[in-house]
Amino acid sequence: MSKVKVSIVKTNRNPQYLQILKYVREALDLIDGIEDLIKPGDLVLINPSWVAPPVEREAGCITIPEIPRAIADIIKEMDARPVIAESSAVGVDSEKVIQESGYRELREMGYEVIDLKKDKKAHVKLPTLSGKVFDKVDCWELAKQADLIISVPKLKTHDQTEMTCAIKKLKGLLTDKGKKAMHQEGLFEGVVDLLSAVKPRLAVVDAIICQEGIGPVFGKPVEMNLIVAGKDLVAVDATCARLIGYDPAETLLTVNAAARGLGVMDAGQIEVVGVPVAEVRRRFLRSVEDDPVEVEGFNLIQGEATCTGCRNTVISALVDMRNADQTMYLPGVTVVTGDASLPEGIAQENIVTVGLCMQENRTERHVKGCPPNNALVVKAIIGDRAEVKRMYADESLDKTDA
């Protein structure tokens, strides 16, 4: 059985467009080109990450525009139609990301750069392949129209899924309502349902400036100067996990996608071409290792069943509260996750239960979801004492049912 190819190309520091075009061509050539994926006249959806501001290159938050531009130029040479399109995180104005970053300049140069949220009616229900959580997913219509979808993520650690890369990035093809449903019903299988529905056949990863710690927005920038490419998104994510010091078995989205036959993650089934992983590997700081918040009078109880999603979500919510100067609302509160028993001697009105695993033993201040959104955890902690300060979104969660 032939191995799946994943290419790793080393770039120079702070590469400019013509250099990036050369590196992207090299990455695609190493995986035997993309002529097998694209024919003249095809509509090709290039899907970068526009999760939220900050948009500066050195922040490592969004996909830098030069990589989608390079892919678009290569596609134009094949007489196909490239469209760069994305929707930002729940409550975030995608157009603001475009206008404040180099994507506005791409649009002015004549590239099709589309804010998927702009037409709130242009969404469809796409059927999943043997979906575990969803029979259909609520996507933007362009995802259905495209002959080929290319995932163009930024490589980062993530405060709920350990790592975000080619698979997790696909959430940008969902409406805000669809994104919220993923958290409420089950992120780790729901995103894989999405993968099975939209069927991307190529990933080109922006790993030039990455993020570690509490990504995907406010992590610490890491200069890697790499571009990674492959036609199997599971293999790409598994390789990127190894690049940043994970065993792919630690990244549940990769595990679940491989288990459903949507790609391969075992090193023995992947041929890394270009630069070997061992030459450029760097262990990234994990979300749970970054900036712990300790406040006297606040207790966090995590049961044995607590998964990465809830563990990282609670830590990230606490960091959000610290950054928003709202830690004064923590004393007297106990947060419980997983299958932990409710602590004795503490009034239930002072206990916040979090996640699906606490559903049977929930309190009045329960936060549902698998895992829930960070902002909902903060809201449950604060209650009616103050408004939740969302760190990068313009709207509250209850106003984003696109």
Protein backbone atom coordinates (compact mmCIF):
# COMPACT_ATOMS: atom_id res chain seq x y z
CA MET A 1 0.00 0.00 0.00
CA SER A 2 1.44 3.35 -1.03
CA LYS A 3 2.00 6.00 1.61
CA VAL A 4 0.27 9.37 1.76
CA LYS A 5 2.62 12.26 1.01
CA VAL A 6 2.89 15.34 3.23
CA SER A 7 5.41 18.01 2.29
CA ILE A 8 7.31 20.32 4.62
CA VAL A 9 9.08 23.31 3.09
CA LYS A 10 11.36 25.65 5.02
CA THR A 11 10.94 29.34 4.20
CA ASN A 12 13.24 32.24 4.87
CA ARG A 13 12.40 34.67 7.67
CA ASN A 14 9.61 37.15 6.89
CA PRO A 15 9.12 35.92 3.32
CA GLN A 16 7.44 38.25 0.84
CA TYR A 17 4.92 37.31 -1.82
CA LEU A 18 7.17 36.09 -4.66
CA GLN A 19 9.15 34.00 -2.19
CA ILE A 20 5.97 32.54 -0.72
CA LEU A 21 4.70 31.73 -4.21
CA LYS A 22 7.92 29.79 -4.83
CA TYR A 23 7.59 27.92 -1.52
CA VAL A 24 3.93 27.03 -2.13
CA ARG A 25 4.79 25.72 -5.60
CA GLU A 26 7.55 23.62 -4.07
CA ALA A 27 5.23 22.24 -1.40
CA LEU A 28 2.64 21.26 -4.02
CA ASP A 29 5.23 19.80 -6.40
CA LEU A 30 6.53 17.58 -3.59
CA ILE A 31 3.07 16.00 -3.25
CA ASP A 32 2.97 15.36 -7.02
CA GLY A 33 1.14 18.55 -7.96
CA ILE A 34 -2.58 19.30 -7.97
CA GLU A 35 -3.43 18.62 -11.62
CA ASP A 36 -5.33 15.54 -10.46
CA LEU A 37 -7.61 17.73 -8.33
CA ILE A 38 -8.46 20.64 -10.63
CA LYS A 39 -9.72 20.92 -14.19
CA PRO A 40 -10.38 24.05 -16.28
CA GLY A 41 -13.53 25.88 -15.25
CA ASP A 42 -13.63 24.49 -11.72
CA LEU A 43 -14.72 26.68 -8.82
CA VAL A 44 -12.08 26.28 -6.12
CA LEU A 45 -12.85 27.49 -2.60
CA ILE A 46 -9.68 28.56 -0.77
CA ASN A 47 -10.54 28.61 2.93
CA PRO A 48 -8.03 30.48 5.16
CA SER A 49 -8.39 31.16 8.89
CA TRP A 50 -9.91 34.53 9.79
CA VAL A 51 -10.88 33.51 13.31
CA ALA A 52 -10.61 37.02 14.80
CA PRO A 53 -8.28 39.98 15.26
CA PRO A 54 -5.37 40.46 15.85
CA VAL A 55 -4.55 40.43 12.15
CA GLU A 56 -0.86 41.41 12.26
CA ARG A 57 1.52 38.87 10.73
CA GLU A 58 3.64 38.74 13.88
CA ALA A 59 0.60 37.79 16.03
CA GLY A 60 0.24 34.38 14.36
CA CYS A 61 -3.56 34.49 14.59
CA ILE A 62 -4.91 34.45 11.01
CA THR A 63 -3.60 32.90 7.80
CA ILE A 64 -1.35 35.46 6.14
CA PRO A 65 -2.91 36.58 2.81
CA GLU A 66 0.13 35.76 0.67
CA ILE A 67 -0.48 32.00 0.97
CA PRO A 68 -4.09 32.05 -0.32
CA ARG A 69 -2.94 34.50 -2.99
CA ALA A 70 -0.21 32.11 -4.13
CA ILE A 71 -2.69 29.23 -4.28
CA ALA A 72 -5.12 31.43 -6.23
CA ASP A 73 -2.45 32.37 -8.77
CA ILE A 74 -1.51 28.71 -9.29
CA ILE A 75 -5.20 27.83 -9.78
CA LYS A 76 -5.64 30.64 -12.31
CA GLU A 77 -2.78 29.16 -14.33
CA MET A 78 -4.92 26.00 -14.56
CA ASP A 79 -7.85 28.01 -16.02
CA ALA A 80 -9.96 27.46 -12.90
CA ARG A 81 -11.69 30.06 -10.72
CA PRO A 82 -10.24 30.57 -7.23
CA VAL A 83 -12.40 32.15 -4.51
CA ILE A 84 -10.92 33.04 -1.11
CA ALA A 85 -13.74 32.77 1.43
CA GLU A 86 -14.21 32.34 5.17
CA SER A 87 -16.41 33.27 8.13
CA SER A 88 -14.80 34.34 11.39
CA ALA A 89 -15.59 33.05 14.88
CA VAL A 90 -19.03 33.43 16.46
CA GLY A 91 -19.80 37.11 16.99
CA VAL A 92 -16.77 38.31 15.01
CA ASP A 93 -17.21 40.56 11.97
CA SER A 94 -15.37 38.80 9.12
CA GLU A 95 -15.35 42.02 7.11
CA LYS A 96 -13.43 43.72 9.90
CA VAL A 97 -10.74 41.04 9.63
CA ILE A 98 -10.59 41.57 5.86
CA GLN A 99 -10.40 45.35 6.10
CA GLU A 100 -7.70 45.40 8.77
CA SER A 101 -5.46 42.80 7.12
CA GLY A 102 -3.87 42.25 3.74
CA TYR A 103 -7.03 40.58 2.43
CA ARG A 104 -8.48 44.00 1.64
CA GLU A 105 -5.49 44.62 -0.64
CA LEU A 106 -6.10 41.26 -2.35
CA ARG A 107 -9.67 42.29 -3.03
CA GLU A 108 -8.47 45.62 -4.47
CA MET A 109 -6.06 43.70 -6.72
CA GLY A 110 -9.01 41.80 -8.24
CA TYR A 111 -8.98 38.56 -6.25
CA GLU A 112 -12.37 37.24 -5.16
CA VAL A 113 -12.31 37.62 -1.36
CA ILE A 114 -15.67 36.78 0.18
CA ASP A 115 -17.01 37.32 3.68
CA LEU A 116 -19.33 34.31 3.98
CA LYS A 117 -21.36 35.99 6.72
CA LYS A 118 -22.32 38.87 4.45
CA ASP A 119 -25.27 37.00 2.91
CA LYS A 120 -27.07 35.56 5.93
CA LYS A 121 -29.52 33.66 3.71
CA ALA A 122 -26.86 31.90 1.62
CA HIS A 123 -26.60 28.75 3.69
CA VAL A 124 -27.48 25.12 3.06
CA LYS A 125 -27.74 21.84 4.94
CA LEU A 126 -25.01 19.47 3.73
CA PRO A 127 -25.42 15.74 4.47
CA THR A 128 -22.66 14.09 6.49
CA LEU A 129 -21.16 10.67 5.86
CA SER A 130 -22.38 8.38 8.67
CA GLY A 131 -22.45 11.38 11.01
CA LYS A 132 -21.90 10.72 14.70
CA VAL A 133 -23.51 13.98 15.89
CA PHE A 134 -25.12 15.57 12.84
CA ASP A 135 -26.94 14.04 9.87
CA LYS A 136 -26.57 17.44 8.18
CA VAL A 137 -24.40 20.47 8.91
CA ASP A 138 -25.40 24.12 8.46
CA CYS A 139 -22.85 25.42 5.92
CA TRP A 140 -22.51 28.41 3.64
CA GLU A 141 -23.80 27.77 0.11
CA LEU A 142 -20.40 28.34 -1.50
CA ALA A 143 -19.14 25.18 0.20
CA LYS A 144 -21.74 23.19 -1.74
CA GLN A 145 -21.06 24.98 -5.03
CA ALA A 146 -17.29 24.47 -4.97
CA ASP A 147 -15.71 21.73 -7.08
CA LEU A 148 -12.76 21.66 -4.69
CA ILE A 149 -12.22 22.98 -1.15
CA ILE A 150 -8.70 23.77 0.03
CA SER A 151 -8.11 24.19 3.76
CA VAL A 152 -5.48 26.87 4.42
CA PRO A 153 -5.10 26.98 8.21
CA LYS A 154 -2.73 28.72 10.56
CA LEU A 155 -0.93 26.17 12.76
CA LYS A 156 -1.69 26.92 16.43
CA THR A 157 -2.41 25.32 19.76
CA HIS A 158 -6.05 25.61 20.79
CA ASP A 159 -7.79 26.16 24.09
CA GLN A 160 -10.28 23.34 23.47
CA THR A 161 -8.86 20.92 20.91
CA GLU A 162 -5.12 21.05 21.80
CA MET A 163 -4.28 21.97 18.20
CA THR A 164 -6.08 23.71 15.36
CA CYS A 165 -5.00 22.95 11.82
CA ALA A 166 -6.54 21.69 8.58
CA ILE A 167 -9.53 19.85 10.10
CA LYS A 168 -10.56 22.23 12.88
CA LYS A 169 -10.18 25.22 10.52
CA LEU A 170 -13.13 23.95 8.48
CA LYS A 171 -15.53 25.36 11.09
CA GLY A 172 -15.22 28.62 9.14
CA LEU A 173 -17.48 27.00 6.54
CA LEU A 174 -20.30 26.86 9.12
CA THR A 175 -22.77 29.62 9.93
CA ASP A 176 -22.52 31.07 13.44
CA LYS A 177 -25.58 28.99 14.32
CA GLY A 178 -23.78 25.91 13.02
CA LYS A 179 -20.67 26.74 15.03
CA LYS A 180 -22.71 27.07 18.21
CA ALA A 181 -24.42 23.73 17.52
CA MET A 182 -21.01 22.07 17.27
CA HIS A 183 -20.20 23.14 20.82
CA GLN A 184 -23.62 22.26 22.18
CA GLU A 185 -23.85 18.81 20.60
CA GLY A 186 -20.23 17.68 20.51
CA LEU A 187 -17.22 19.40 18.97
CA PHE A 188 -14.87 16.43 18.68
CA GLU A 189 -17.21 14.34 16.54
CA GLY A 190 -19.16 17.27 15.07
CA VAL A 191 -16.13 18.74 13.32
CA VAL A 192 -15.40 15.31 11.86
CA ASP A 193 -19.00 15.18 10.63
CA LEU A 194 -18.26 18.51 8.91
CA LEU A 195 -15.09 17.09 7.36
CA SER A 196 -17.12 14.22 5.91
CA ALA A 197 -19.68 16.63 4.49
CA VAL A 198 -17.47 19.21 2.75
CA LYS A 199 -14.78 16.72 1.62
CA PRO A 200 -11.73 18.99 1.24
CA ARG A 201 -9.01 17.34 -0.83
CA LEU A 202 -6.04 19.60 -0.17
CA ALA A 203 -4.51 21.48 2.75
CA VAL A 204 -1.76 24.09 2.63
CA VAL A 205 -0.72 25.09 6.15
CA ASP A 206 0.62 28.50 7.12
CA ALA A 207 3.23 27.55 9.70
CA ILE A 208 5.43 30.61 9.20
CA ILE A 209 4.44 32.42 12.41
CA CYS A 210 2.41 30.07 14.63
CA GLN A 211 0.89 30.31 18.12
CA GLU A 212 1.48 28.32 21.29
CA GLY A 213 -0.23 28.39 24.67
CA ILE A 214 -3.79 29.67 24.85
CA GLY A 215 -4.54 29.86 21.15
CA PRO A 216 -6.26 30.25 18.76
CA VAL A 217 -6.32 34.04 19.22
CA PHE A 218 -4.21 35.21 22.15
CA GLY A 219 -1.47 32.60 22.20
CA LYS A 220 2.23 33.40 22.13
CA PRO A 221 3.74 33.80 18.62
CA VAL A 222 6.26 31.17 17.51
CA GLU A 223 8.42 31.58 14.42
CA MET A 224 8.59 28.25 12.56
CA ASN A 225 9.02 29.44 8.93
CA LEU A 226 7.34 26.40 7.41
CA ILE A 227 4.71 25.57 4.81
CA VAL A 228 3.08 22.14 5.03
CA ALA A 229 0.91 20.60 2.31
CA GLY A 230 -0.95 17.37 1.62
CA LYS A 231 -4.02 15.86 -0.02
CA ASP A 232 -5.05 13.94 3.11
CA LEU A 233 -6.11 16.37 5.85
CA VAL A 234 -5.78 13.78 8.58
CA ALA A 235 -2.19 13.05 7.55
CA VAL A 236 -1.46 16.77 7.38
CA ASP A 237 -2.81 17.33 10.89
CA ALA A 238 -0.97 14.29 12.25
CA THR A 239 2.28 15.59 10.77
CA CYS A 240 1.68 19.09 12.14
CA ALA A 241 0.95 17.60 15.56
CA ARG A 242 4.35 15.90 15.47
CA LEU A 243 5.95 19.17 14.36
CA ILE A 244 4.73 20.94 17.52
CA GLY A 245 5.53 18.16 19.95
CA TYR A 246 2.29 16.19 20.17
CA ASP A 247 1.69 12.53 19.60
CA PRO A 248 -1.26 12.64 17.15
CA ALA A 249 -3.07 10.34 19.57
CA GLU A 250 -3.33 13.41 21.85
CA THR A 251 -5.28 15.40 19.24
CA LEU A 252 -8.78 13.94 19.35
CA LEU A 253 -10.04 15.44 16.10
CA THR A 254 -7.23 13.65 14.26
CA VAL A 255 -7.95 10.39 16.08
CA ASN A 256 -11.68 10.54 15.36
CA ALA A 257 -11.20 11.43 11.69
CA ALA A 258 -8.73 8.57 11.20
CA ALA A 259 -11.05 6.14 13.01
CA ARG A 260 -13.79 6.97 10.52
CA GLY A 261 -11.53 6.28 7.54
CA LEU A 262 -11.31 9.92 6.47
CA GLY A 263 -7.51 9.82 6.31
CA VAL A 264 -4.43 8.29 7.94
CA MET A 265 -2.52 9.39 11.03
CA ASP A 266 0.02 6.61 11.64
CA ALA A 267 3.59 7.65 10.85
CA GLY A 268 4.14 4.40 8.96
CA GLN A 269 1.41 5.37 6.48
CA ILE A 270 2.75 8.88 5.83
CA GLU A 271 5.73 9.80 3.68
CA VAL A 272 7.08 13.18 4.75
CA VAL A 273 8.81 14.80 1.78
CA GLY A 274 10.98 17.90 1.86
CA VAL A 275 12.32 18.78 5.30
CA PRO A 276 12.21 15.93 7.86
CA VAL A 277 10.04 16.50 10.93
CA ALA A 278 12.99 15.87 13.24
CA GLU A 279 14.92 18.81 11.77
CA VAL A 280 12.25 21.41 12.51
CA ARG A 281 10.24 19.96 15.40
CA ARG A 282 9.61 22.25 18.38
CA ARG A 283 7.49 21.45 21.41
CA PHE A 284 4.77 24.08 21.75
CA LEU A 285 3.47 25.25 25.11
CA ARG A 286 0.09 23.61 25.70
CA SER A 287 -3.02 25.59 26.57
CA VAL A 288 -3.24 24.11 30.07
CA GLU A 289 0.41 25.04 30.70
CA ASP A 290 -0.06 28.68 29.82
CA ASP A 291 -0.66 31.38 32.46
CA PRO A 292 -2.62 29.49 35.15
CA VAL A 293 -5.06 31.63 37.12
CA GLU A 294 -5.01 31.19 40.90
CA VAL A 295 -7.48 33.17 43.00
CA GLU A 296 -8.00 32.60 46.71
CA GLY A 297 -11.52 31.38 47.42
CA PHE A 298 -12.06 29.91 43.95
CA ASN A 299 -12.07 26.14 43.49
CA LEU A 300 -11.82 24.03 40.36
CA ILE A 301 -12.69 20.33 40.59
CA GLN A 302 -11.99 18.23 37.49
CA GLY A 303 -13.23 14.64 37.54
CA GLU A 304 -11.43 11.71 35.94
CA ALA A 305 -13.77 11.86 32.94
CA THR A 306 -12.83 15.48 32.17
CA CYS A 307 -11.60 15.58 28.59
CA THR A 308 -9.21 18.00 26.96
CA GLY A 309 -12.12 20.09 25.73
CA CYS A 310 -13.62 20.98 29.12
CA ARG A 311 -10.26 21.15 30.90
CA ASN A 312 -8.84 23.64 28.41
CA THR A 313 -12.11 25.55 28.08
CA VAL A 314 -12.30 26.29 31.80
CA ILE A 315 -8.64 27.36 31.95
CA SER A 316 -9.13 29.62 28.92
CA ALA A 317 -12.30 31.11 30.44
CA LEU A 318 -10.37 31.95 33.61
CA VAL A 319 -7.65 33.62 31.55
CA ASP A 320 -10.34 35.60 29.69
CA MET A 321 -11.65 36.79 33.06
CA ARG A 322 -8.17 37.78 34.16
CA ASN A 323 -7.54 39.69 30.94
CA ALA A 324 -10.89 41.45 31.35
CA ASP A 325 -10.18 42.38 34.99
CA GLN A 326 -13.10 40.22 36.19
CA THR A 327 -11.36 37.82 38.58
CA MET A 328 -13.07 39.58 41.49
CA TYR A 329 -16.10 37.44 40.63
CA LEU A 330 -14.23 34.15 41.23
CA PRO A 331 -14.04 33.95 45.06
CA GLY A 332 -16.85 31.85 46.50
CA VAL A 333 -17.38 29.97 43.22
CA THR A 334 -16.58 26.28 42.63
CA VAL A 335 -16.43 24.93 39.07
CA VAL A 336 -16.91 21.19 38.57
CA THR A 337 -16.25 19.22 35.35
CA GLY A 338 -16.18 15.60 34.24
CA ASP A 339 -17.78 12.94 36.41
CA ALA A 340 -16.76 14.57 39.69
CA SER A 341 -19.19 14.48 42.61
CA LEU A 342 -20.56 17.75 43.85
CA PRO A 343 -18.54 18.87 46.85
CA GLU A 344 -20.17 18.62 50.27
CA GLY A 345 -20.56 21.68 52.44
CA ILE A 346 -20.91 24.11 49.50
CA ALA A 347 -24.27 25.55 48.58
CA GLN A 348 -25.35 24.41 45.13
CA GLU A 349 -26.02 27.99 44.05
CA ASN A 350 -22.26 28.56 44.36
CA ILE A 351 -21.35 25.60 42.15
CA VAL A 352 -20.99 25.88 38.37
CA THR A 353 -21.14 22.52 36.56
CA VAL A 354 -19.62 22.38 33.11
CA GLY A 355 -20.05 20.06 30.15
CA LEU A 356 -22.00 17.03 28.99
CA CYS A 357 -20.42 14.72 31.57
CA MET A 358 -22.01 16.78 34.39
CA GLN A 359 -25.48 16.68 32.83
CA GLU A 360 -26.76 14.04 35.27
CA ASN A 361 -25.33 15.88 38.28
CA ARG A 362 -25.81 19.46 37.16
CA THR A 363 -26.64 22.46 39.28
CA GLU A 364 -28.79 25.47 38.41
CA ARG A 365 -25.63 27.16 37.13
CA HIS A 366 -24.91 24.47 34.54
CA VAL A 367 -23.08 25.15 31.25
CA LYS A 368 -24.07 22.66 28.58
CA GLY A 369 -21.90 21.73 25.64
CA CYS A 370 -19.15 19.33 24.63
CA PRO A 371 -17.17 21.46 25.22
CA PRO A 372 -19.12 24.70 25.80
CA ASN A 373 -18.00 28.08 24.56
CA ASN A 374 -15.60 29.93 26.89
CA ALA A 375 -17.95 32.91 27.15
CA LEU A 376 -20.76 30.72 28.50
CA VAL A 377 -18.49 29.45 31.28
CA VAL A 378 -17.60 33.03 32.18
CA LYS A 379 -21.29 33.98 32.15
CA ALA A 380 -22.16 31.12 34.52
CA ILE A 381 -19.42 32.24 36.92
CA ILE A 382 -20.35 35.92 36.84
CA GLY A 383 -24.11 35.49 36.71
CA ASP A 384 -26.00 38.78 36.85
CA ARG A 385 -23.18 40.64 38.58
CA ALA A 386 -21.66 42.00 35.37
CA GLU A 387 -21.67 41.67 31.60
CA VAL A 388 -19.32 39.15 30.05
CA LYS A 389 -16.52 40.94 28.22
CA ARG A 390 -15.96 38.96 25.04
CA MET A 391 -12.33 39.49 24.17
CA TYR A 392 -12.54 39.52 20.37
CA ALA A 393 -16.23 39.35 19.40
CA ASP A 394 -18.53 42.29 18.74
CA GLU A 395 -21.76 40.52 19.70
CA SER A 396 -22.89 38.30 22.55
CA LEU A 397 -23.55 34.62 21.86
CA ASP A 398 -27.33 35.06 22.00
CA LYS A 399 -27.24 37.46 19.02
CA THR A 400 -25.44 35.22 16.56
CA ASP A 401 -28.04 32.78 15.26
CA ALA A 402 -27.14 33.39 11.62
